[in-house]
């Protein structure tokens, strides 16, 4: 009987849910998992992007949800309660260049909600569902339960003049670390990804169609490779590319007044 149970489990595909999975790195990670044999569901707010996924990738289940609306988000989460999944990736994000534009109320609300509040809502829900699953699973490499969030290398920097985006990503990193400690007794791994610039359409749109001038920018496929390595090696906080990791490490070891002066003069908008 034991062998029959293991055989049945081995043939059941693992299920991944990607929030912010209809474009950019989130979609690339979803498609990569699908290529590995995972069952994949994605969540996004763009009706056009969801229609494209339904047309081009019919095996991927796409859900439309505005993560800035916590009631709509909760309704989606409630509708997913009966779905068994082994991995959740929170890849949704919102960015406004505060070095160029002063934040409007709408921009401020959107960044805070998507980068922090909706992330916390999804992580809390996902952790509870994974804990329930942890009681009935045999823990092995093939069905390892995991929670992944996509932060930013901006969140690894700690200085007084950091932007709302950087502060929210820093909070995401700290929250993921707390979840990692809390879920360890359940054998649920938690990984946070803090990447530098990734050549996505969203980044190109923010830079008049061309983001090639961004320092140490990497392709989406290179980013996917780094993310999957971080998951496979169970790295708590994966910072890449390596050049950016070295730079942020060096800056964070400077005296606070020095790093504050450098980053305020080089990065922040003139007030």
Protein backbone atom coordinates (compact mmCIF):
# COMPACT_ATOMS: atom_id res chain seq x y z
CA UNK A 1 0.00 0.00 0.00
CA UNK A 2 2.86 2.37 0.79
CA UNK A 3 4.31 1.97 -2.69
CA UNK A 4 0.92 2.62 -4.31
CA UNK A 5 0.50 5.84 -2.30
CA UNK A 6 3.93 7.09 -3.24
CA UNK A 7 3.34 6.27 -6.91
CA UNK A 8 0.02 8.14 -6.95
CA UNK A 9 1.60 11.18 -5.27
CA UNK A 10 4.52 11.15 -7.68
CA UNK A 11 2.22 11.36 -10.70
CA UNK A 12 0.13 14.22 -9.32
CA UNK A 13 1.57 17.51 -10.64
CA UNK A 14 2.57 20.16 -8.15
CA UNK A 15 0.52 23.35 -8.29
CA UNK A 16 1.93 26.88 -8.36
CA UNK A 17 0.00 30.14 -7.91
CA UNK A 18 1.70 33.36 -9.06
CA UNK A 19 0.27 36.69 -7.93
CA UNK A 20 1.36 39.25 -10.48
CA UNK A 21 1.84 36.39 -12.92
CA UNK A 22 0.37 37.83 -16.13
CA UNK A 23 3.50 39.69 -17.25
CA UNK A 24 7.19 40.25 -16.59
CA UNK A 25 9.13 38.05 -14.20
CA UNK A 26 5.94 36.59 -12.73
CA UNK A 27 4.75 35.25 -16.09
CA UNK A 28 8.25 34.01 -16.93
CA UNK A 29 8.36 32.06 -13.66
CA UNK A 30 4.88 30.68 -14.31
CA UNK A 31 5.87 29.43 -17.78
CA UNK A 32 9.12 27.99 -16.46
CA UNK A 33 7.25 25.98 -13.84
CA UNK A 34 4.76 24.81 -16.45
CA UNK A 35 7.64 23.58 -18.60
CA UNK A 36 8.84 21.59 -15.58
CA UNK A 37 5.45 19.88 -15.36
CA UNK A 38 3.76 22.04 -12.74
CA UNK A 39 0.10 22.96 -12.84
CA UNK A 40 0.05 26.76 -12.90
CA UNK A 41 -2.43 29.47 -11.91
CA UNK A 42 -1.72 33.18 -12.29
CA UNK A 43 -3.38 36.29 -10.88
CA UNK A 44 -3.37 39.68 -12.59
CA UNK A 45 -5.54 42.77 -13.01
CA UNK A 46 -5.26 43.36 -16.76
CA UNK A 47 -8.18 41.90 -18.70
CA UNK A 48 -6.18 42.14 -21.93
CA UNK A 49 -3.21 40.23 -20.49
CA UNK A 50 -5.47 37.56 -19.06
CA UNK A 51 -7.23 37.17 -22.42
CA UNK A 52 -3.82 36.77 -24.08
CA UNK A 53 -2.82 34.05 -21.61
CA UNK A 54 -6.12 32.26 -22.11
CA UNK A 55 -5.51 32.33 -25.85
CA UNK A 56 -1.79 31.51 -25.98
CA UNK A 57 -1.42 29.37 -22.85
CA UNK A 58 -4.76 27.61 -22.27
CA UNK A 59 -3.21 25.21 -19.73
CA UNK A 60 -2.50 28.14 -17.40
CA UNK A 61 -5.49 29.16 -15.27
CA UNK A 62 -5.71 32.96 -15.09
CA UNK A 63 -7.64 34.89 -12.45
CA UNK A 64 -8.52 38.58 -12.72
CA UNK A 65 -8.13 40.52 -9.48
CA UNK A 66 -7.31 44.09 -8.49
CA UNK A 67 -4.94 43.64 -5.55
CA UNK A 68 -5.50 47.26 -4.49
CA UNK A 69 -9.03 46.23 -3.48
CA UNK A 70 -8.66 44.10 -0.34
CA UNK A 71 -12.26 42.87 -0.53
CA UNK A 72 -11.83 41.72 -4.12
CA UNK A 73 -8.53 40.12 -3.13
CA UNK A 74 -10.15 38.32 -0.22
CA UNK A 75 -12.96 37.06 -2.44
CA UNK A 76 -10.34 35.60 -4.80
CA UNK A 77 -8.47 33.97 -1.92
CA UNK A 78 -11.71 32.48 -0.62
CA UNK A 79 -12.42 31.05 -4.06
CA UNK A 80 -9.02 29.31 -4.02
CA UNK A 81 -9.51 27.62 -0.65
CA UNK A 82 -10.36 24.24 -2.15
CA UNK A 83 -7.34 24.21 -4.46
CA UNK A 84 -4.34 22.21 -3.36
CA UNK A 85 -1.10 24.03 -4.10
CA UNK A 86 2.52 23.57 -3.11
CA UNK A 87 4.06 26.93 -4.01
CA UNK A 88 2.96 30.56 -4.05
CA UNK A 89 4.99 33.34 -5.64
CA UNK A 90 4.08 36.96 -4.90
CA UNK A 91 5.47 38.87 -7.87
CA UNK A 92 3.01 41.77 -7.96
CA UNK A 93 4.53 45.22 -7.62
CA UNK A 94 3.94 48.90 -8.16
CA UNK A 95 6.59 51.54 -8.83
CA UNK A 96 6.61 55.29 -9.26
CA UNK A 97 9.92 57.06 -9.83
CA UNK A 98 10.01 59.34 -6.81
CA UNK A 99 13.32 60.84 -7.95
CA UNK A 100 11.45 62.46 -10.83
CA UNK A 101 7.83 62.68 -9.71
CA UNK A 102 6.43 63.78 -6.39
CA UNK A 103 4.01 61.14 -5.20
CA UNK A 104 0.33 61.75 -5.76
CA UNK A 105 -2.15 60.30 -3.30
CA UNK A 106 -3.16 57.68 -5.87
CA UNK A 107 0.46 56.61 -6.53
CA UNK A 108 1.19 56.47 -2.81
CA UNK A 109 -1.87 54.35 -2.08
CA UNK A 110 -1.16 51.97 -4.96
CA UNK A 111 2.47 51.36 -4.02
CA UNK A 112 1.71 50.85 -0.34
CA UNK A 113 -1.19 48.52 -1.07
CA UNK A 114 0.41 46.27 -3.69
CA UNK A 115 3.98 46.23 -2.37
CA UNK A 116 3.06 45.70 1.27
CA UNK A 117 -0.58 45.37 2.29
CA UNK A 118 -1.76 42.96 -0.42
CA UNK A 119 1.50 41.05 -0.07
CA UNK A 120 0.84 40.58 3.65
CA UNK A 121 -2.77 39.58 2.94
CA UNK A 122 -1.69 36.95 0.41
CA UNK A 123 1.20 35.63 2.53
CA UNK A 124 -1.00 35.27 5.59
CA UNK A 125 -3.61 33.34 3.59
CA UNK A 126 -1.08 31.18 1.76
CA UNK A 127 0.82 30.29 4.92
CA UNK A 128 -2.37 29.06 6.58
CA UNK A 129 -3.26 26.92 3.58
CA UNK A 130 0.24 25.47 3.34
CA UNK A 131 0.28 24.67 7.06
CA UNK A 132 -2.89 22.63 6.60
CA UNK A 133 -1.27 20.77 3.72
CA UNK A 134 1.90 20.15 5.71
CA UNK A 135 0.04 17.77 8.02
CA UNK A 136 -0.76 15.35 5.20
CA UNK A 137 2.36 15.45 3.06
CA UNK A 138 5.48 13.30 3.12
CA UNK A 139 8.26 15.84 2.94
CA UNK A 140 10.58 15.28 0.04
CA UNK A 141 12.14 17.36 -2.69
CA UNK A 142 9.29 16.81 -5.12
CA UNK A 143 6.52 18.24 -2.95
CA UNK A 144 8.36 20.81 -0.81
CA UNK A 145 5.95 23.53 0.25
CA UNK A 146 7.22 27.03 -0.39
CA UNK A 147 6.36 30.73 -0.26
CA UNK A 148 8.32 33.08 -2.49
CA UNK A 149 8.18 36.87 -2.77
CA UNK A 150 9.81 39.17 -5.29
CA UNK A 151 11.19 42.21 -3.52
CA UNK A 152 13.93 44.49 -4.87
CA UNK A 153 17.56 45.22 -4.26
CA UNK A 154 16.34 48.70 -3.31
CA UNK A 155 14.91 47.14 -0.17
CA UNK A 156 18.34 45.97 1.00
CA UNK A 157 19.49 49.55 1.45
CA UNK A 158 18.85 51.29 4.76
CA UNK A 159 19.14 55.05 4.70
CA UNK A 160 16.92 57.91 5.90
CA UNK A 161 15.94 59.24 2.48
CA UNK A 162 14.78 55.95 0.98
CA UNK A 163 11.71 56.10 -1.24
CA UNK A 164 8.33 54.63 -0.39
CA UNK A 165 9.07 51.89 -2.92
CA UNK A 166 12.37 51.02 -1.22
CA UNK A 167 10.84 51.16 2.26
CA UNK A 168 7.94 48.91 1.28
CA UNK A 169 10.33 46.39 -0.29
CA UNK A 170 12.50 46.51 2.83
CA UNK A 171 9.41 45.73 4.88
CA UNK A 172 8.64 42.85 2.50
CA UNK A 173 12.12 41.43 3.08
CA UNK A 174 11.71 41.65 6.87
CA UNK A 175 8.23 40.10 6.72
CA UNK A 176 9.45 37.20 4.59
CA UNK A 177 12.25 36.58 7.09
CA UNK A 178 9.72 36.42 9.92
CA UNK A 179 7.55 33.98 7.97
CA UNK A 180 10.61 31.85 7.25
CA UNK A 181 11.28 31.49 10.98
CA UNK A 182 7.62 30.91 11.84
CA UNK A 183 7.01 28.29 9.15
CA UNK A 184 10.21 26.31 9.67
CA UNK A 185 8.51 23.93 12.15
CA UNK A 186 6.00 23.11 9.40
CA UNK A 187 8.79 22.35 6.91
CA UNK A 188 7.60 25.22 4.68
CA UNK A 189 10.41 27.14 3.05
CA UNK A 190 10.21 30.90 2.52
CA UNK A 191 12.49 32.73 0.11
CA UNK A 192 12.75 36.40 -0.76
CA UNK A 193 14.21 37.62 -4.04
CA UNK A 194 15.93 41.01 -4.16
CA UNK A 195 17.03 41.59 -7.73
CA UNK A 196 18.51 44.52 -9.53
CA UNK A 197 17.15 45.76 -12.86
CA UNK A 198 15.37 43.16 -15.00
CA UNK A 199 14.67 43.94 -18.65
CA UNK A 200 10.88 43.61 -18.52
CA UNK A 201 8.30 45.44 -20.58
CA UNK A 202 7.22 47.37 -17.48
CA UNK A 203 10.76 48.69 -16.97
CA UNK A 204 11.05 49.59 -20.65
CA UNK A 205 7.74 51.44 -20.47
CA UNK A 206 9.11 53.50 -17.59
CA UNK A 207 12.14 54.42 -19.70
CA UNK A 208 10.62 55.44 -23.01
CA UNK A 209 10.83 51.94 -24.43
CA UNK A 210 14.52 51.25 -23.72
CA UNK A 211 16.01 50.26 -20.36
CA UNK A 212 19.42 49.17 -21.69
CA UNK A 213 21.10 52.10 -19.92
CA UNK A 214 20.20 50.71 -16.49
CA UNK A 215 23.30 49.50 -14.60
CA UNK A 216 23.90 45.74 -14.58
CA UNK A 217 20.50 45.05 -16.16
CA UNK A 218 19.75 41.36 -16.78
CA UNK A 219 17.31 39.54 -19.03
CA UNK A 220 14.12 38.00 -17.72
CA UNK A 221 15.40 34.49 -18.44
CA UNK A 222 18.59 35.17 -16.49
CA UNK A 223 16.45 36.39 -13.61
CA UNK A 224 14.35 33.20 -13.77
CA UNK A 225 17.56 31.15 -13.55
CA UNK A 226 18.67 33.08 -10.45
CA UNK A 227 15.25 32.75 -8.80
CA UNK A 228 15.06 29.00 -9.40
CA UNK A 229 18.57 28.53 -8.04
CA UNK A 230 17.61 30.47 -4.92
CA UNK A 231 14.55 28.27 -4.43
CA UNK A 232 16.47 25.04 -5.06
CA UNK A 233 19.22 26.07 -2.64
CA UNK A 234 16.67 27.50 -0.17
CA UNK A 235 18.41 30.86 0.10
CA UNK A 236 16.62 33.15 2.55
CA UNK A 237 17.41 36.39 0.71
CA UNK A 238 18.74 36.07 -2.83
CA UNK A 239 20.39 39.27 -4.08
CA UNK A 240 21.47 39.41 -7.72
CA UNK A 241 23.17 40.12 -10.03
CA UNK A 242 26.45 39.58 -8.17
CA UNK A 243 27.83 43.01 -9.08
CA UNK A 244 24.82 44.74 -7.49
CA UNK A 245 25.09 42.50 -4.43
CA UNK A 246 28.70 43.61 -3.92
CA UNK A 247 27.82 47.28 -4.38
CA UNK A 248 24.94 47.23 -1.89
CA UNK A 249 27.07 45.28 0.60
CA UNK A 250 29.80 47.92 0.36
CA UNK A 251 27.37 50.81 0.69
CA UNK A 252 25.65 49.29 3.70
CA UNK A 253 29.01 49.04 5.48
CA UNK A 254 29.74 52.74 5.11
CA UNK A 255 29.03 55.09 8.04
CA UNK A 256 25.39 56.20 8.03
CA UNK A 257 26.16 59.88 7.33
CA UNK A 258 28.27 58.90 4.32
CA UNK A 259 25.74 56.53 2.79
CA UNK A 260 22.97 59.06 3.41
CA UNK A 261 24.95 61.77 1.61
CA UNK A 262 25.85 59.51 -1.33
CA UNK A 263 22.35 58.17 -1.90
CA UNK A 264 20.59 61.47 -1.33
CA UNK A 265 22.86 63.32 -3.75
CA UNK A 266 22.96 60.57 -6.39
CA UNK A 267 19.52 59.05 -6.22
CA UNK A 268 16.96 61.35 -4.66
CA UNK A 269 15.00 64.07 -6.41
CA UNK A 270 15.77 67.69 -5.74
CA UNK A 271 13.33 69.11 -3.19
